Full PDB file with SEQRES, HELIX, SHEET, SSBOND, CRYST1, ORIGX, SCALE, CONECT and MASTER records, all heavy atoms in Angstrom:
SEQRES   1 A   41  ILE GLY ASP ALA GLY ALA LEU GLY PRO LYS GLY LYS ASP          
SEQRES   2 A   41  ALA SER THR PHE ILE LYS ASN GLY THR VAL SER GLY LYS          
SEQRES   3 A   41  ILE THR GLY PHE ARG LYS ASP GLY ILE THR PRO LEU ASN          
SEQRES   4 A   41  GLU ASN                                                      
HELIX    1 AA1 ALA A   14  THR A   16  5                                   3    
SHEET    1 AA1 2 ILE A  27  PHE A  30  0                                        
SHEET    2 AA1 2 PRO A  37  GLU A  40 -1                                        
CRYST1    1.000    1.000    1.000  90.00  90.00  90.00 P 1           1          
ORIGX1      1.000000  0.000000  0.000000        0.00000                         
ORIGX2      0.000000  1.000000  0.000000        0.00000                         
ORIGX3      0.000000  0.000000  1.000000        0.00000                         
SCALE1      1.000000  0.000000  0.000000        0.00000                         
SCALE2      0.000000  1.000000  0.000000        0.00000                         
SCALE3      0.000000  0.000000  1.000000        0.00000                         
ATOM      1  N   ILE A   1     104.219  46.633 -62.645  1.00  0.00           N  
ATOM      2  CA  ILE A   1     102.933  45.856 -62.706  1.00  0.00           C  
ATOM      3  C   ILE A   1     102.544  45.601 -64.133  1.00  0.00           C  
ATOM      4  O   ILE A   1     102.667  46.418 -65.093  1.00  0.00           O  
ATOM      5  CB  ILE A   1     101.829  46.733 -62.053  1.00  0.00           C  
ATOM      6  CG1 ILE A   1     102.169  46.987 -60.612  1.00  0.00           C  
ATOM      7  CG2 ILE A   1     100.468  46.048 -62.200  1.00  0.00           C  
ATOM      8  CD1 ILE A   1     101.148  47.897 -59.883  1.00  0.00           C  
ATOM      9  N   GLY A   2     102.215  44.345 -64.367  1.00  0.00           N  
ATOM     10  CA  GLY A   2     101.850  43.908 -65.684  1.00  0.00           C  
ATOM     11  C   GLY A   2     100.546  44.465 -66.267  1.00  0.00           C  
ATOM     12  O   GLY A   2      99.794  45.167 -65.459  1.00  0.00           O  
ATOM     13  N   ASP A   3     100.288  44.324 -67.471  1.00  0.00           N  
ATOM     14  CA  ASP A   3      99.042  44.838 -68.086  1.00  0.00           C  
ATOM     15  C   ASP A   3      97.883  44.080 -67.492  1.00  0.00           C  
ATOM     16  O   ASP A   3      97.894  42.957 -67.120  1.00  0.00           O  
ATOM     17  CB  ASP A   3      99.075  44.639 -69.604  1.00  0.00           C  
ATOM     18  CG  ASP A   3     100.182  45.465 -70.267  1.00  0.00           C  
ATOM     19  OD1 ASP A   3     100.487  46.490 -69.727  1.00  0.00           O  
ATOM     20  OD2 ASP A   3     100.624  45.068 -71.375  1.00  0.00           O  
ATOM     21  N   ALA A   4      96.695  44.787 -67.457  1.00  0.00           N  
ATOM     22  CA  ALA A   4      95.546  44.166 -66.913  1.00  0.00           C  
ATOM     23  C   ALA A   4      94.990  43.037 -67.832  1.00  0.00           C  
ATOM     24  O   ALA A   4      95.112  43.172 -69.065  1.00  0.00           O  
ATOM     25  CB  ALA A   4      94.362  45.201 -66.814  1.00  0.00           C  
ATOM     26  N   GLY A   5      94.577  42.014 -67.210  1.00  0.00           N  
ATOM     27  CA  GLY A   5      94.102  40.864 -68.084  1.00  0.00           C  
ATOM     28  C   GLY A   5      92.764  41.123 -68.659  1.00  0.00           C  
ATOM     29  O   GLY A   5      92.092  42.160 -68.373  1.00  0.00           O  
ATOM     30  N   ALA A   6      92.227  40.233 -69.529  1.00  0.00           N  
ATOM     31  CA  ALA A   6      90.970  40.459 -70.196  1.00  0.00           C  
ATOM     32  C   ALA A   6      89.819  40.332 -69.259  1.00  0.00           C  
ATOM     33  O   ALA A   6      89.986  39.633 -68.178  1.00  0.00           O  
ATOM     34  CB  ALA A   6      90.909  39.378 -71.358  1.00  0.00           C  
ATOM     35  N   LEU A   7      88.738  40.967 -69.440  1.00  0.00           N  
ATOM     36  CA  LEU A   7      87.535  40.869 -68.563  1.00  0.00           C  
ATOM     37  C   LEU A   7      86.968  39.437 -68.671  1.00  0.00           C  
ATOM     38  O   LEU A   7      86.963  38.783 -69.700  1.00  0.00           O  
ATOM     39  CB  LEU A   7      86.513  41.814 -69.082  1.00  0.00           C  
ATOM     40  CG  LEU A   7      86.778  43.332 -68.946  1.00  0.00           C  
ATOM     41  CD1 LEU A   7      85.575  44.194 -69.501  1.00  0.00           C  
ATOM     42  CD2 LEU A   7      86.958  43.654 -67.478  1.00  0.00           C  
ATOM     43  N   GLY A   8      86.636  39.022 -67.488  1.00  0.00           N  
ATOM     44  CA  GLY A   8      86.098  37.636 -67.288  1.00  0.00           C  
ATOM     45  C   GLY A   8      84.582  37.670 -67.776  1.00  0.00           C  
ATOM     46  O   GLY A   8      84.007  38.702 -68.023  1.00  0.00           O  
ATOM     47  N   PRO A   9      84.016  36.505 -67.858  1.00  0.00           N  
ATOM     48  CA  PRO A   9      82.550  36.411 -68.343  1.00  0.00           C  
ATOM     49  C   PRO A   9      81.626  36.963 -67.238  1.00  0.00           C  
ATOM     50  O   PRO A   9      82.042  37.059 -66.038  1.00  0.00           O  
ATOM     51  CB  PRO A   9      82.414  34.903 -68.447  1.00  0.00           C  
ATOM     52  CG  PRO A   9      83.375  34.343 -67.512  1.00  0.00           C  
ATOM     53  CD  PRO A   9      84.573  35.163 -67.529  1.00  0.00           C  
ATOM     54  N   LYS A  10      80.508  37.379 -67.661  1.00  0.00           N  
ATOM     55  CA  LYS A  10      79.505  37.982 -66.661  1.00  0.00           C  
ATOM     56  C   LYS A  10      79.126  36.871 -65.710  1.00  0.00           C  
ATOM     57  O   LYS A  10      78.979  35.707 -66.011  1.00  0.00           O  
ATOM     58  CB  LYS A  10      78.238  38.347 -67.447  1.00  0.00           C  
ATOM     59  CG  LYS A  10      78.382  39.617 -68.312  1.00  0.00           C  
ATOM     60  CD  LYS A  10      77.052  40.077 -68.878  1.00  0.00           C  
ATOM     61  CE  LYS A  10      77.255  41.422 -69.763  1.00  0.00           C  
ATOM     62  NZ  LYS A  10      76.055  41.787 -70.270  1.00  0.00           N  
ATOM     63  N   GLY A  11      78.958  37.325 -64.469  1.00  0.00           N  
ATOM     64  CA  GLY A  11      78.592  36.460 -63.397  1.00  0.00           C  
ATOM     65  C   GLY A  11      77.117  35.954 -63.570  1.00  0.00           C  
ATOM     66  O   GLY A  11      76.351  36.538 -64.311  1.00  0.00           O  
ATOM     67  N   LYS A  12      76.721  34.901 -62.711  1.00  0.00           N  
ATOM     68  CA  LYS A  12      75.438  34.454 -62.941  1.00  0.00           C  
ATOM     69  C   LYS A  12      74.293  35.401 -62.496  1.00  0.00           C  
ATOM     70  O   LYS A  12      73.182  35.232 -62.867  1.00  0.00           O  
ATOM     71  CB  LYS A  12      75.224  33.180 -62.102  1.00  0.00           C  
ATOM     72  CG  LYS A  12      75.562  33.341 -60.604  1.00  0.00           C  
ATOM     73  CD  LYS A  12      75.392  31.983 -59.896  1.00  0.00           C  
ATOM     74  CE  LYS A  12      75.534  32.148 -58.402  1.00  0.00           C  
ATOM     75  NZ  LYS A  12      75.382  30.887 -57.627  1.00  0.00           N  
ATOM     76  N   ASP A  13      74.744  36.502 -61.665  1.00  0.00           N  
ATOM     77  CA  ASP A  13      73.711  37.378 -61.178  1.00  0.00           C  
ATOM     78  C   ASP A  13      73.640  38.651 -62.016  1.00  0.00           C  
ATOM     79  O   ASP A  13      72.894  39.566 -61.694  1.00  0.00           O  
ATOM     80  CB  ASP A  13      74.028  37.795 -59.706  1.00  0.00           C  
ATOM     81  CG  ASP A  13      73.910  36.560 -58.714  1.00  0.00           C  
ATOM     82  OD1 ASP A  13      72.966  35.844 -58.833  1.00  0.00           O  
ATOM     83  OD2 ASP A  13      74.783  36.524 -57.782  1.00  0.00           O  
ATOM     84  N   ALA A  14      74.416  38.702 -63.140  1.00  0.00           N  
ATOM     85  CA  ALA A  14      74.395  39.919 -63.877  1.00  0.00           C  
ATOM     86  C   ALA A  14      73.034  40.227 -64.408  1.00  0.00           C  
ATOM     87  O   ALA A  14      72.614  41.367 -64.600  1.00  0.00           O  
ATOM     88  CB  ALA A  14      75.399  39.746 -65.109  1.00  0.00           C  
ATOM     89  N   SER A  15      72.256  39.219 -64.747  1.00  0.00           N  
ATOM     90  CA  SER A  15      70.873  39.412 -65.312  1.00  0.00           C  
ATOM     91  C   SER A  15      69.915  40.052 -64.311  1.00  0.00           C  
ATOM     92  O   SER A  15      68.816  40.430 -64.759  1.00  0.00           O  
ATOM     93  CB  SER A  15      70.304  38.069 -65.835  1.00  0.00           C  
ATOM     94  OG  SER A  15      70.186  37.172 -64.782  1.00  0.00           O  
ATOM     95  N   THR A  16      70.242  40.063 -63.059  1.00  0.00           N  
ATOM     96  CA  THR A  16      69.290  40.675 -62.090  1.00  0.00           C  
ATOM     97  C   THR A  16      69.413  42.134 -62.040  1.00  0.00           C  
ATOM     98  O   THR A  16      68.608  42.755 -61.364  1.00  0.00           O  
ATOM     99  CB  THR A  16      69.578  40.091 -60.681  1.00  0.00           C  
ATOM    100  OG1 THR A  16      70.872  40.490 -60.252  1.00  0.00           O  
ATOM    101  CG2 THR A  16      69.550  38.609 -60.631  1.00  0.00           C  
ATOM    102  N   PHE A  17      70.360  42.756 -62.751  1.00  0.00           N  
ATOM    103  CA  PHE A  17      70.452  44.202 -62.750  1.00  0.00           C  
ATOM    104  C   PHE A  17      69.734  44.806 -64.009  1.00  0.00           C  
ATOM    105  O   PHE A  17      69.819  44.182 -65.067  1.00  0.00           O  
ATOM    106  CB  PHE A  17      71.949  44.615 -62.858  1.00  0.00           C  
ATOM    107  CG  PHE A  17      72.683  44.785 -61.616  1.00  0.00           C  
ATOM    108  CD1 PHE A  17      73.975  44.515 -61.439  1.00  0.00           C  
ATOM    109  CD2 PHE A  17      71.936  45.103 -60.467  1.00  0.00           C  
ATOM    110  CE1 PHE A  17      74.684  44.635 -60.301  1.00  0.00           C  
ATOM    111  CE2 PHE A  17      72.653  45.313 -59.267  1.00  0.00           C  
ATOM    112  CZ  PHE A  17      73.997  45.077 -59.182  1.00  0.00           C  
ATOM    113  N   ILE A  18      69.122  45.933 -63.821  1.00  0.00           N  
ATOM    114  CA  ILE A  18      68.562  46.680 -64.840  1.00  0.00           C  
ATOM    115  C   ILE A  18      68.949  48.183 -64.789  1.00  0.00           C  
ATOM    116  O   ILE A  18      69.216  48.637 -63.693  1.00  0.00           O  
ATOM    117  CB  ILE A  18      67.021  46.640 -64.938  1.00  0.00           C  
ATOM    118  CG1 ILE A  18      66.340  47.145 -63.684  1.00  0.00           C  
ATOM    119  CG2 ILE A  18      66.530  45.192 -65.239  1.00  0.00           C  
ATOM    120  CD1 ILE A  18      64.879  47.311 -63.786  1.00  0.00           C  
ATOM    121  N   LYS A  19      69.087  48.812 -65.835  1.00  0.00           N  
ATOM    122  CA  LYS A  19      69.490  50.237 -65.932  1.00  0.00           C  
ATOM    123  C   LYS A  19      68.178  51.012 -65.667  1.00  0.00           C  
ATOM    124  O   LYS A  19      67.282  50.895 -66.438  1.00  0.00           O  
ATOM    125  CB  LYS A  19      70.100  50.627 -67.222  1.00  0.00           C  
ATOM    126  CG  LYS A  19      70.538  52.126 -67.308  1.00  0.00           C  
ATOM    127  CD  LYS A  19      71.811  52.285 -66.522  1.00  0.00           C  
ATOM    128  CE  LYS A  19      72.344  53.707 -66.597  1.00  0.00           C  
ATOM    129  NZ  LYS A  19      71.466  54.690 -66.048  1.00  0.00           N  
ATOM    130  N   ASN A  20      68.191  51.783 -64.593  1.00  0.00           N  
ATOM    131  CA  ASN A  20      66.972  52.493 -64.195  1.00  0.00           C  
ATOM    132  C   ASN A  20      67.358  53.727 -63.320  1.00  0.00           C  
ATOM    133  O   ASN A  20      67.453  53.630 -62.093  1.00  0.00           O  
ATOM    134  CB  ASN A  20      66.037  51.629 -63.502  1.00  0.00           C  
ATOM    135  CG  ASN A  20      64.591  52.261 -63.364  1.00  0.00           C  
ATOM    136  OD1 ASN A  20      64.146  52.939 -64.232  1.00  0.00           O  
ATOM    137  ND2 ASN A  20      63.935  52.085 -62.182  1.00  0.00           N  
ATOM    138  N   GLY A  21      67.506  54.903 -64.069  1.00  0.00           N  
ATOM    139  CA  GLY A  21      67.818  56.168 -63.288  1.00  0.00           C  
ATOM    140  C   GLY A  21      69.339  56.303 -63.106  1.00  0.00           C  
ATOM    141  O   GLY A  21      70.133  55.396 -63.423  1.00  0.00           O  
ATOM    142  N   THR A  22      69.700  57.342 -62.310  1.00  0.00           N  
ATOM    143  CA  THR A  22      71.121  57.610 -62.107  1.00  0.00           C  
ATOM    144  C   THR A  22      71.252  58.474 -60.793  1.00  0.00           C  
ATOM    145  O   THR A  22      70.359  59.377 -60.578  1.00  0.00           O  
ATOM    146  CB  THR A  22      71.786  58.256 -63.325  1.00  0.00           C  
ATOM    147  OG1 THR A  22      73.214  58.499 -62.998  1.00  0.00           O  
ATOM    148  CG2 THR A  22      71.196  59.679 -63.578  1.00  0.00           C  
ATOM    149  N   VAL A  23      72.291  58.194 -60.036  1.00  0.00           N  
ATOM    150  CA  VAL A  23      72.637  59.040 -58.933  1.00  0.00           C  
ATOM    151  C   VAL A  23      74.138  59.297 -59.076  1.00  0.00           C  
ATOM    152  O   VAL A  23      74.834  58.321 -59.179  1.00  0.00           O  
ATOM    153  CB  VAL A  23      72.170  58.409 -57.615  1.00  0.00           C  
ATOM    154  CG1 VAL A  23      72.810  57.087 -57.340  1.00  0.00           C  
ATOM    155  CG2 VAL A  23      72.561  59.426 -56.495  1.00  0.00           C  
ATOM    156  N   SER A  24      74.558  60.441 -58.922  1.00  0.00           N  
ATOM    157  CA  SER A  24      76.017  60.772 -59.011  1.00  0.00           C  
ATOM    158  C   SER A  24      76.430  61.550 -57.768  1.00  0.00           C  
ATOM    159  O   SER A  24      75.505  62.249 -57.156  1.00  0.00           O  
ATOM    160  CB  SER A  24      76.391  61.474 -60.305  1.00  0.00           C  
ATOM    161  OG  SER A  24      75.632  62.734 -60.343  1.00  0.00           O  
ATOM    162  N   GLY A  25      77.669  61.618 -57.480  1.00  0.00           N  
ATOM    163  CA  GLY A  25      78.068  62.374 -56.298  1.00  0.00           C  
ATOM    164  C   GLY A  25      79.593  62.579 -56.257  1.00  0.00           C  
ATOM    165  O   GLY A  25      80.328  61.825 -56.968  1.00  0.00           O  
ATOM    166  N   LYS A  26      79.953  63.463 -55.342  1.00  0.00           N  
ATOM    167  CA  LYS A  26      81.367  63.664 -55.166  1.00  0.00           C  
ATOM    168  C   LYS A  26      81.630  63.564 -53.583  1.00  0.00           C  
ATOM    169  O   LYS A  26      80.881  64.159 -52.822  1.00  0.00           O  
ATOM    170  CB  LYS A  26      81.860  65.078 -55.570  1.00  0.00           C  
ATOM    171  CG  LYS A  26      83.321  65.428 -55.210  1.00  0.00           C  
ATOM    172  CD  LYS A  26      83.702  66.754 -55.684  1.00  0.00           C  
ATOM    173  CE  LYS A  26      83.999  66.695 -57.197  1.00  0.00           C  
ATOM    174  NZ  LYS A  26      84.605  67.918 -57.714  1.00  0.00           N  
ATOM    175  N   ILE A  27      82.621  62.809 -53.150  1.00  0.00           N  
ATOM    176  CA  ILE A  27      82.932  62.566 -51.762  1.00  0.00           C  
ATOM    177  C   ILE A  27      84.240  63.348 -51.498  1.00  0.00           C  
ATOM    178  O   ILE A  27      85.241  63.147 -52.106  1.00  0.00           O  
ATOM    179  CB  ILE A  27      83.148  61.065 -51.463  1.00  0.00           C  
ATOM    180  CG1 ILE A  27      81.964  60.273 -51.862  1.00  0.00           C  
ATOM    181  CG2 ILE A  27      83.443  60.870 -50.024  1.00  0.00           C  
ATOM    182  CD1 ILE A  27      82.177  58.798 -51.790  1.00  0.00           C  
ATOM    183  N   THR A  28      84.126  64.278 -50.545  1.00  0.00           N  
ATOM    184  CA  THR A  28      85.238  65.041 -50.190  1.00  0.00           C  
ATOM    185  C   THR A  28      85.506  65.031 -48.729  1.00  0.00           C  
ATOM    186  O   THR A  28      84.594  64.832 -47.890  1.00  0.00           O  
ATOM    187  CB  THR A  28      85.116  66.608 -50.589  1.00  0.00           C  
ATOM    188  OG1 THR A  28      83.877  67.077 -49.971  1.00  0.00           O  
ATOM    189  CG2 THR A  28      84.961  66.637 -52.134  1.00  0.00           C  
ATOM    190  N   GLY A  29      86.688  65.127 -48.288  1.00  0.00           N  
ATOM    191  CA  GLY A  29      87.119  65.079 -46.909  1.00  0.00           C  
ATOM    192  C   GLY A  29      88.596  64.716 -46.746  1.00  0.00           C  
ATOM    193  O   GLY A  29      89.439  65.166 -47.606  1.00  0.00           O  
ATOM    194  N   PHE A  30      88.914  63.918 -45.795  1.00  0.00           N  
ATOM    195  CA  PHE A  30      90.282  63.460 -45.636  1.00  0.00           C  
ATOM    196  C   PHE A  30      90.342  61.932 -45.365  1.00  0.00           C  
ATOM    197  O   PHE A  30      89.364  61.358 -44.874  1.00  0.00           O  
ATOM    198  CB  PHE A  30      90.943  64.169 -44.473  1.00  0.00           C  
ATOM    199  CG  PHE A  30      91.188  65.622 -44.807  1.00  0.00           C  
ATOM    200  CD1 PHE A  30      90.152  66.560 -44.327  1.00  0.00           C  
ATOM    201  CD2 PHE A  30      92.192  66.090 -45.395  1.00  0.00           C  
ATOM    202  CE1 PHE A  30      90.311  67.920 -44.574  1.00  0.00           C  
ATOM    203  CE2 PHE A  30      92.436  67.420 -45.634  1.00  0.00           C  
ATOM    204  CZ  PHE A  30      91.377  68.350 -45.305  1.00  0.00           C  
ATOM    205  N   ARG A  31      91.442  61.330 -45.728  1.00  0.00           N  
ATOM    206  CA  ARG A  31      91.652  59.911 -45.393  1.00  0.00           C  
ATOM    207  C   ARG A  31      91.973  59.817 -43.874  1.00  0.00           C  
ATOM    208  O   ARG A  31      91.990  60.709 -43.100  1.00  0.00           O  
ATOM    209  CB  ARG A  31      92.756  59.348 -46.230  1.00  0.00           C  
ATOM    210  CG  ARG A  31      92.452  59.266 -47.744  1.00  0.00           C  
ATOM    211  CD  ARG A  31      93.489  58.528 -48.466  1.00  0.00           C  
ATOM    212  NE  ARG A  31      93.216  58.611 -49.878  1.00  0.00           N  
ATOM    213  CZ  ARG A  31      94.095  58.138 -50.821  1.00  0.00           C  
ATOM    214  NH1 ARG A  31      95.199  57.598 -50.452  1.00  0.00           N  
ATOM    215  NH2 ARG A  31      93.725  58.280 -52.129  1.00  0.00           N  
ATOM    216  N   LYS A  32      92.311  58.515 -43.530  1.00  0.00           N  
ATOM    217  CA  LYS A  32      92.382  58.168 -42.063  1.00  0.00           C  
ATOM    218  C   LYS A  32      93.567  58.940 -41.423  1.00  0.00           C  
ATOM    219  O   LYS A  32      93.516  59.284 -40.214  1.00  0.00           O  
ATOM    220  CB  LYS A  32      92.706  56.701 -42.002  1.00  0.00           C  
ATOM    221  CG  LYS A  32      92.631  56.144 -40.600  1.00  0.00           C  
ATOM    222  CD  LYS A  32      92.762  54.662 -40.526  1.00  0.00           C  
ATOM    223  CE  LYS A  32      92.662  54.105 -39.180  1.00  0.00           C  
ATOM    224  NZ  LYS A  32      92.758  52.689 -39.152  1.00  0.00           N  
ATOM    225  N   ASP A  33      94.563  59.334 -42.210  1.00  0.00           N  
ATOM    226  CA  ASP A  33      95.695  60.048 -41.594  1.00  0.00           C  
ATOM    227  C   ASP A  33      95.375  61.563 -41.256  1.00  0.00           C  
ATOM    228  O   ASP A  33      96.142  62.209 -40.563  1.00  0.00           O  
ATOM    229  CB  ASP A  33      96.932  60.053 -42.540  1.00  0.00           C  
ATOM    230  CG  ASP A  33      96.613  60.634 -43.866  1.00  0.00           C  
ATOM    231  OD1 ASP A  33      95.621  61.276 -44.056  1.00  0.00           O  
ATOM    232  OD2 ASP A  33      97.499  60.418 -44.761  1.00  0.00           O  
ATOM    233  N   GLY A  34      94.132  62.009 -41.725  1.00  0.00           N  
ATOM    234  CA  GLY A  34      93.782  63.338 -41.405  1.00  0.00           C  
ATOM    235  C   GLY A  34      94.430  64.394 -42.213  1.00  0.00           C  
ATOM    236  O   GLY A  34      94.275  65.601 -42.090  1.00  0.00           O  
ATOM    237  N   ILE A  35      95.328  64.011 -43.210  1.00  0.00           N  
ATOM    238  CA  ILE A  35      96.123  64.866 -43.959  1.00  0.00           C  
ATOM    239  C   ILE A  35      95.869  64.659 -45.434  1.00  0.00           C  
ATOM    240  O   ILE A  35      95.614  65.709 -46.191  1.00  0.00           O  
ATOM    241  CB  ILE A  35      97.630  64.682 -43.715  1.00  0.00           C  
ATOM    242  CG1 ILE A  35      97.956  64.939 -42.210  1.00  0.00           C  
ATOM    243  CG2 ILE A  35      98.446  65.595 -44.617  1.00  0.00           C  
ATOM    244  CD1 ILE A  35      99.308  64.553 -41.864  1.00  0.00           C  
ATOM    245  N   THR A  36      95.779  63.477 -45.919  1.00  0.00           N  
ATOM    246  CA  THR A  36      95.616  63.169 -47.349  1.00  0.00           C  
ATOM    247  C   THR A  36      94.160  63.502 -47.813  1.00  0.00           C  
ATOM    248  O   THR A  36      93.285  62.966 -47.259  1.00  0.00           O  
ATOM    249  CB  THR A  36      95.873  61.697 -47.620  1.00  0.00           C  
ATOM    250  OG1 THR A  36      97.159  61.331 -47.106  1.00  0.00           O  
ATOM    251  CG2 THR A  36      95.847  61.463 -49.197  1.00  0.00           C  
ATOM    252  N   PRO A  37      94.050  64.402 -48.752  1.00  0.00           N  
ATOM    253  CA  PRO A  37      92.648  64.843 -49.245  1.00  0.00           C  
ATOM    254  C   PRO A  37      91.857  63.518 -49.769  1.00  0.00           C  
ATOM    255  O   PRO A  37      92.494  62.698 -50.402  1.00  0.00           O  
ATOM    256  CB  PRO A  37      92.968  65.876 -50.271  1.00  0.00           C  
ATOM    257  CG  PRO A  37      94.318  66.306 -50.044  1.00  0.00           C  
ATOM    258  CD  PRO A  37      95.085  65.160 -49.453  1.00  0.00           C  
ATOM    259  N   LEU A  38      90.614  63.579 -49.680  1.00  0.00           N  
ATOM    260  CA  LEU A  38      89.716  62.626 -50.152  1.00  0.00           C  
ATOM    261  C   LEU A  38      88.892  63.396 -51.200  1.00  0.00           C  
ATOM    262  O   LEU A  38      88.141  64.295 -50.836  1.00  0.00           O  
ATOM    263  CB  LEU A  38      88.875  61.972 -49.155  1.00  0.00           C  
ATOM    264  CG  LEU A  38      87.900  60.846 -49.587  1.00  0.00           C  
ATOM    265  CD1 LEU A  38      88.672  59.656 -50.038  1.00  0.00           C  
ATOM    266  CD2 LEU A  38      87.011  60.454 -48.395  1.00  0.00           C  
ATOM    267  N   ASN A  39      88.965  63.002 -52.477  1.00  0.00           N  
ATOM    268  CA  ASN A  39      88.161  63.615 -53.502  1.00  0.00           C  
ATOM    269  C   ASN A  39      87.828  62.625 -54.552  1.00  0.00           C  
ATOM    270  O   ASN A  39      88.560  62.342 -55.506  1.00  0.00           O  
ATOM    271  CB  ASN A  39      89.036  64.767 -54.079  1.00  0.00           C  
ATOM    272  CG  ASN A  39      88.158  65.647 -54.972  1.00  0.00           C  
ATOM    273  OD1 ASN A  39      86.986  65.387 -55.387  1.00  0.00           O  
ATOM    274  ND2 ASN A  39      88.680  66.870 -55.405  1.00  0.00           N  
ATOM    275  N   GLU A  40      86.630  61.983 -54.360  1.00  0.00           N  
ATOM    276  CA  GLU A  40      86.238  60.893 -55.235  1.00  0.00           C  
ATOM    277  C   GLU A  40      84.902  61.177 -55.890  1.00  0.00           C  
ATOM    278  O   GLU A  40      83.997  61.659 -55.226  1.00  0.00           O  
ATOM    279  CB  GLU A  40      86.208  59.509 -54.429  1.00  0.00           C  
ATOM    280  CG  GLU A  40      87.536  59.173 -53.762  1.00  0.00           C  
ATOM    281  CD  GLU A  40      88.608  58.831 -54.736  1.00  0.00           C  
ATOM    282  OE1 GLU A  40      88.252  58.225 -55.869  1.00  0.00           O  
ATOM    283  OE2 GLU A  40      89.822  59.082 -54.557  1.00  0.00           O  
ATOM    284  N   ASN A  41      84.753  60.737 -57.146  1.00  0.00           N  
ATOM    285  CA  ASN A  41      83.441  60.864 -57.833  1.00  0.00           C  
ATOM    286  C   ASN A  41      82.814  59.430 -58.063  1.00  0.00           C  
ATOM    287  O   ASN A  41      83.571  58.493 -58.293  1.00  0.00           O  
ATOM    288  CB  ASN A  41      83.598  61.542 -59.188  1.00  0.00           C  
ATOM    289  CG  ASN A  41      84.101  63.032 -59.031  1.00  0.00           C  
ATOM    290  OD1 ASN A  41      83.370  63.823 -58.419  1.00  0.00           O  
ATOM    291  ND2 ASN A  41      85.306  63.300 -59.463  1.00  0.00           N  
TER     292      ASN A  41                                                      
MASTER        0    0    0    1    2    0    0    6  291    1    0    4          
END                                                                             
């Protein structure tokens, strides 16, 4: 796989976002096969 390309320009809706607070979490469980662990932050 080739190197990642450069980031594109901000979309027209980017200005509608503001930084305000934070929520974090960890998702644990299994994937659809019921075997592969799911561990995502």
